Amino acid sequence: MERGLRKVRIGRVVSDKMDKTIVVAVEKLVRHPLYGKTVKRTTKFKAHDENNEAKIGDIVKIMETRPLSKEKRWRLVEIIEGAK
C-alpha cells in the first residue's frame, strides 16, 4: 500500500514548552486583494517532536501526519538550522 502525497512546511519554532510537542510558525507572503501590497501571514502548527530535539528559534521541516491529538497533525522531519 502506498502513501498519498503529504504536505511539507518549513518554519520557525516559537515554543518547545510542551513534552514531545513544538509549535512551528510558518510565514507566507500574500498580495492584499485591494491594495496589491505584499503582506506577511503567519500560521502556527503543533508538531510532534519525539526526542524533544528542537529548541526555540530553530528552522525546522514538518510533515503532515495522522491526527496525534486534538490539535497535533504534523510531525518533525528534520532541523534545518539551529537557533543563533
Protein backbone atom coordinates (compact mmCIF):
# COMPACT_ATOMS: atom_id res chain seq x y z
CA MET A 1 0.00 0.00 0.00
CA GLU A 2 1.35 3.41 -0.98
CA ARG A 3 1.06 6.65 0.98
CA GLY A 4 -0.50 9.69 -0.60
CA LEU A 5 1.45 12.90 -1.04
CA ARG A 6 1.92 14.64 2.29
CA LYS A 7 2.19 18.37 2.83
CA VAL A 8 5.60 19.65 3.94
CA ARG A 9 6.21 23.05 5.55
CA ILE A 10 9.32 24.90 6.72
CA GLY A 11 9.01 27.25 9.68
CA ARG A 12 10.50 28.59 12.91
CA VAL A 13 9.97 27.00 16.34
CA VAL A 14 8.21 29.52 18.60
CA SER A 15 7.53 27.23 21.59
CA ASP A 16 9.00 24.00 22.98
CA LYS A 17 7.48 24.09 26.46
CA MET A 18 5.25 21.02 25.95
CA ASP A 19 6.57 17.47 26.21
CA LYS A 20 7.23 15.95 22.75
CA THR A 21 5.42 18.86 21.07
CA ILE A 22 6.66 22.03 19.37
CA VAL A 23 4.78 24.99 17.94
CA VAL A 24 6.03 25.99 14.48
CA ALA A 25 5.19 29.37 12.89
CA VAL A 26 5.09 29.23 9.10
CA GLU A 27 5.14 32.57 7.26
CA LYS A 28 3.79 33.12 3.77
CA LEU A 29 3.61 36.21 1.60
CA VAL A 30 0.24 37.09 0.04
CA ARG A 31 -0.87 40.06 -2.02
CA HIS A 32 -3.51 42.31 -0.46
CA PRO A 33 -6.69 41.90 -2.54
CA LEU A 34 -7.41 45.65 -2.81
CA TYR A 35 -4.09 47.47 -2.42
CA GLY A 36 -1.73 44.95 -4.00
CA LYS A 37 0.89 45.29 -1.24
CA THR A 38 2.60 42.07 -0.19
CA VAL A 39 1.57 41.14 3.36
CA LYS A 40 3.14 38.55 5.69
CA ARG A 41 0.71 35.94 7.08
CA THR A 42 1.71 33.60 9.92
CA THR A 43 0.14 30.23 10.67
CA LYS A 44 1.02 28.17 13.74
CA PHE A 45 1.17 24.38 13.66
CA LYS A 46 1.64 21.98 16.58
CA ALA A 47 4.10 19.26 15.60
CA HIS A 48 5.23 16.02 17.25
CA ASP A 49 8.90 16.04 18.32
CA GLU A 50 9.57 12.54 19.68
CA ASN A 51 13.02 13.21 21.20
CA ASN A 52 12.49 16.86 22.23
CA GLU A 53 15.33 17.87 19.86
CA ALA A 54 14.02 21.21 18.55
CA LYS A 55 14.56 24.42 20.52
CA ILE A 56 13.05 27.91 20.20
CA GLY A 57 14.42 29.73 17.15
CA ASP A 58 15.32 26.62 15.14
CA ILE A 59 14.28 26.42 11.48
CA VAL A 60 12.55 23.05 11.00
CA LYS A 61 10.80 20.98 8.36
CA ILE A 62 7.46 19.44 9.36
CA MET A 63 5.29 16.92 7.53
CA GLU A 64 1.58 16.21 7.69
CA THR A 65 0.57 13.02 9.50
CA ARG A 66 -2.49 11.35 11.05
CA PRO A 67 -4.10 13.17 13.99
CA LEU A 68 -1.97 12.57 17.09
CA SER A 69 -4.08 14.67 19.48
CA LYS A 70 -6.78 17.34 19.38
CA GLU A 71 -4.56 19.87 17.56
CA LYS A 72 -1.45 17.90 16.50
CA ARG A 73 -1.48 16.82 12.84
CA TRP A 74 2.19 17.40 11.96
CA ARG A 75 5.50 15.77 12.86
CA LEU A 76 9.06 17.00 12.88
CA VAL A 77 11.10 15.69 9.92
CA GLU A 78 14.41 17.50 10.42
CA ILE A 79 16.06 20.52 11.97
CA ILE A 80 17.38 22.57 9.05
CA GLU A 81 19.17 25.27 11.04
CA GLY A 82 19.82 25.66 14.75
CA ALA A 83 18.97 28.82 16.68
CA LYS A 84 21.62 31.52 16.67
